[in-house]
Amino acid sequence: MTKKTAEGVSRVTGVAHLILTSLADGEKHGYALTQDVMQFSGIRIAPGSLYEALARLEGQGLIEPITSTDRRRPYRLTAAGAAVLDEFLSAQEQLASEGRRRLCASWRFS
């Protein structure tokens, strides 16, 4: 992992990667985010954790709020957020590949 990648990925912690992944296919408000994350990951994000992460991601410029006509506040991924998510996913793929290689070599899994 390059220094740039390590810094970009480390900017985001906790449930943030789940939120960025959810927003990768379009804008969503808080409840829709929690439902989507539950569907694709099986992880339930508590409201306090969700809104804390949304505020942090917005502050980092990785997501942005969208004007809404009702009381819901939808968010969308920014270009910077997409780049950070891409870096994170690449790092996870590399880690998974190395983990599989080592597991197969030591434990004869295929």
C-alpha atoms as a PDB file:
ATOM      1  CA  MET A   1       0.000   0.000   0.000  1.00  0.00           C
ATOM      2  CA  THR A   2       1.422   3.387  -0.927  1.00  0.00           C
ATOM      3  CA  LYS A   3       1.662   6.222   1.560  1.00  0.00           C
ATOM      4  CA  LYS A   4      -1.048   8.135  -0.323  1.00  0.00           C
ATOM      5  CA  THR A   5      -3.369   5.124  -0.180  1.00  0.00           C
ATOM      6  CA  ALA A   6      -2.693   4.509   3.493  1.00  0.00           C
ATOM      7  CA  GLU A   7      -3.467   8.136   4.341  1.00  0.00           C
ATOM      8  CA  GLY A   8      -6.659   8.188   2.245  1.00  0.00           C
ATOM      9  CA  VAL A   9      -7.976   4.937   3.655  1.00  0.00           C
ATOM     10  CA  SER A  10      -7.098   5.878   7.226  1.00  0.00           C
ATOM     11  CA  ARG A  11      -9.187   9.059   6.930  1.00  0.00           C
ATOM     12  CA  VAL A  12     -12.278   6.891   7.163  1.00  0.00           C
ATOM     13  CA  THR A  13     -13.036   4.541  10.050  1.00  0.00           C
ATOM     14  CA  GLY A  14     -15.852   2.552  11.594  1.00  0.00           C
ATOM     15  CA  VAL A  15     -19.065   2.347   9.615  1.00  0.00           C
ATOM     16  CA  ALA A  16     -17.902   4.985   7.136  1.00  0.00           C
ATOM     17  CA  HIS A  17     -16.934   2.449   4.460  1.00  0.00           C
ATOM     18  CA  LEU A  18     -20.398   0.947   4.662  1.00  0.00           C
ATOM     19  CA  ILE A  19     -21.935   4.391   4.194  1.00  0.00           C
ATOM     20  CA  LEU A  20     -19.646   5.228   1.280  1.00  0.00           C
ATOM     21  CA  THR A  21     -20.468   1.882  -0.328  1.00  0.00           C
ATOM     22  CA  SER A  22     -24.183   2.536   0.044  1.00  0.00           C
ATOM     23  CA  LEU A  23     -23.887   6.004  -1.486  1.00  0.00           C
ATOM     24  CA  ALA A  24     -21.799   4.675  -4.385  1.00  0.00           C
ATOM     25  CA  ASP A  25     -24.974   3.748  -6.259  1.00  0.00           C
ATOM     26  CA  GLY A  26     -26.877   6.950  -5.546  1.00  0.00           C
ATOM     27  CA  GLU A  27     -28.084   9.441  -3.001  1.00  0.00           C
ATOM     28  CA  LYS A  28     -29.879   8.302   0.147  1.00  0.00           C
ATOM     29  CA  HIS A  29     -31.185   9.753   3.385  1.00  0.00           C
ATOM     30  CA  GLY A  30     -30.325   8.267   6.794  1.00  0.00           C
ATOM     31  CA  TYR A  31     -33.040   5.630   7.052  1.00  0.00           C
ATOM     32  CA  ALA A  32     -32.498   4.464   3.460  1.00  0.00           C
ATOM     33  CA  LEU A  33     -28.776   4.201   4.188  1.00  0.00           C
ATOM     34  CA  THR A  34     -29.344   1.983   7.222  1.00  0.00           C
ATOM     35  CA  GLN A  35     -31.723  -0.250   5.271  1.00  0.00           C
ATOM     36  CA  ASP A  36     -29.328  -0.565   2.336  1.00  0.00           C
ATOM     37  CA  VAL A  37     -26.341  -1.327   4.572  1.00  0.00           C
ATOM     38  CA  MET A  38     -28.376  -3.970   6.402  1.00  0.00           C
ATOM     39  CA  GLN A  39     -29.337  -5.546   3.072  1.00  0.00           C
ATOM     40  CA  PHE A  40     -25.850  -5.781   1.549  1.00  0.00           C
ATOM     41  CA  SER A  41     -23.806  -6.400   4.703  1.00  0.00           C
ATOM     42  CA  GLY A  42     -26.114  -7.696   7.410  1.00  0.00           C
ATOM     43  CA  ILE A  43     -24.830  -4.924   9.700  1.00  0.00           C
ATOM     44  CA  ARG A  44     -27.255  -2.653  11.520  1.00  0.00           C
ATOM     45  CA  ILE A  45     -25.967   0.877  12.022  1.00  0.00           C
ATOM     46  CA  ALA A  46     -27.399   2.527  15.122  1.00  0.00           C
ATOM     47  CA  PRO A  47     -28.813   6.022  14.512  1.00  0.00           C
ATOM     48  CA  GLY A  48     -26.214   7.713  16.725  1.00  0.00           C
ATOM     49  CA  SER A  49     -23.362   5.988  14.903  1.00  0.00           C
ATOM     50  CA  LEU A  50     -24.906   6.789  11.533  1.00  0.00           C
ATOM     51  CA  TYR A  51     -25.340  10.499  12.100  1.00  0.00           C
ATOM     52  CA  GLU A  52     -21.944  10.862  13.758  1.00  0.00           C
ATOM     53  CA  ALA A  53     -20.322   9.158  10.742  1.00  0.00           C
ATOM     54  CA  LEU A  54     -22.351  11.259   8.278  1.00  0.00           C
ATOM     55  CA  ALA A  55     -21.188  14.468   9.990  1.00  0.00           C
ATOM     56  CA  ARG A  56     -17.563  13.275   9.959  1.00  0.00           C
ATOM     57  CA  LEU A  57     -17.731  12.224   6.278  1.00  0.00           C
ATOM     58  CA  GLU A  58     -19.339  15.529   5.341  1.00  0.00           C
ATOM     59  CA  GLY A  59     -16.645  17.408   7.267  1.00  0.00           C
ATOM     60  CA  GLN A  60     -13.973  15.490   5.357  1.00  0.00           C
ATOM     61  CA  GLY A  61     -15.616  16.362   2.040  1.00  0.00           C
ATOM     62  CA  LEU A  62     -16.330  12.703   1.201  1.00  0.00           C
ATOM     63  CA  ILE A  63     -20.105  13.147   1.080  1.00  0.00           C
ATOM     64  CA  GLU A  64     -22.370  16.154   0.668  1.00  0.00           C
ATOM     65  CA  PRO A  65     -25.986  16.876   1.588  1.00  0.00           C
ATOM     66  CA  ILE A  66     -28.529  17.466  -1.133  1.00  0.00           C
ATOM     67  CA  THR A  67     -31.371  19.950  -0.950  1.00  0.00           C
ATOM     68  CA  SER A  68     -34.614  18.209  -0.098  1.00  0.00           C
ATOM     69  CA  THR A  69     -38.250  19.288  -0.201  1.00  0.00           C
ATOM     70  CA  ASP A  70     -39.147  17.352   2.950  1.00  0.00           C
ATOM     71  CA  ARG A  71     -37.538  16.888   6.357  1.00  0.00           C
ATOM     72  CA  ARG A  72     -35.250  14.087   5.158  1.00  0.00           C
ATOM     73  CA  ARG A  73     -31.664  15.046   4.440  1.00  0.00           C
ATOM     74  CA  PRO A  74     -30.234  12.980   1.579  1.00  0.00           C
ATOM     75  CA  TYR A  75     -26.507  12.677   0.969  1.00  0.00           C
ATOM     76  CA  ARG A  76     -24.415  11.837  -2.057  1.00  0.00           C
ATOM     77  CA  LEU A  77     -20.871  10.665  -2.574  1.00  0.00           C
ATOM     78  CA  THR A  78     -18.344  13.271  -3.730  1.00  0.00           C
ATOM     79  CA  ALA A  79     -15.488  12.585  -6.136  1.00  0.00           C
ATOM     80  CA  ALA A  80     -13.124  12.560  -3.139  1.00  0.00           C
ATOM     81  CA  GLY A  81     -15.385  10.044  -1.383  1.00  0.00           C
ATOM     82  CA  ALA A  82     -15.415   7.799  -4.436  1.00  0.00           C
ATOM     83  CA  ALA A  83     -11.607   7.917  -4.582  1.00  0.00           C
ATOM     84  CA  VAL A  84     -11.276   7.027  -0.887  1.00  0.00           C
ATOM     85  CA  LEU A  85     -13.754   4.161  -1.273  1.00  0.00           C
ATOM     86  CA  ASP A  86     -11.868   2.875  -4.310  1.00  0.00           C
ATOM     87  CA  GLU A  87      -8.572   2.985  -2.370  1.00  0.00           C
ATOM     88  CA  PHE A  88     -10.153   1.168   0.570  1.00  0.00           C
ATOM     89  CA  LEU A  89     -11.648  -1.548  -1.633  1.00  0.00           C
ATOM     90  CA  SER A  90      -8.333  -2.048  -3.451  1.00  0.00           C
ATOM     91  CA  ALA A  91      -6.555  -2.420  -0.112  1.00  0.00           C
ATOM     92  CA  GLN A  92      -9.161  -4.921   1.073  1.00  0.00           C
ATOM     93  CA  GLU A  93      -8.809  -6.950  -2.133  1.00  0.00           C
ATOM     94  CA  GLN A  94      -5.034  -7.038  -1.667  1.00  0.00           C
ATOM     95  CA  LEU A  95      -5.417  -8.081   1.981  1.00  0.00           C
ATOM     96  CA  ALA A  96      -7.943 -10.799   1.097  1.00  0.00           C
ATOM     97  CA  SER A  97      -5.703 -12.132  -1.658  1.00  0.00           C
ATOM     98  CA  GLU A  98      -2.692 -12.340   0.644  1.00  0.00           C
ATOM     99  CA  GLY A  99      -4.755 -13.893   3.426  1.00  0.00           C
ATOM    100  CA  ARG A 100      -6.100 -16.558   1.044  1.00  0.00           C
ATOM    101  CA  ARG A 101      -2.605 -17.268  -0.280  1.00  0.00           C
ATOM    102  CA  ARG A 102      -1.247 -17.788   3.218  1.00  0.00           C
ATOM    103  CA  LEU A 103      -4.218 -19.830   4.374  1.00  0.00           C
ATOM    104  CA  CYS A 104      -4.020 -22.120   1.359  1.00  0.00           C
ATOM    105  CA  ALA A 105      -0.267 -22.580   1.791  1.00  0.00           C
ATOM    106  CA  SER A 106      -0.454 -23.387   5.495  1.00  0.00           C
ATOM    107  CA  TRP A 107      -3.792 -25.144   5.829  1.00  0.00           C
ATOM    108  CA  ARG A 108      -4.261 -26.689   2.391  1.00  0.00           C
ATOM    109  CA  PHE A 109      -7.557 -24.905   1.727  1.00  0.00           C
ATOM    110  CA  SER A 110      -8.480 -24.503  -1.891  1.00  0.00           C
END
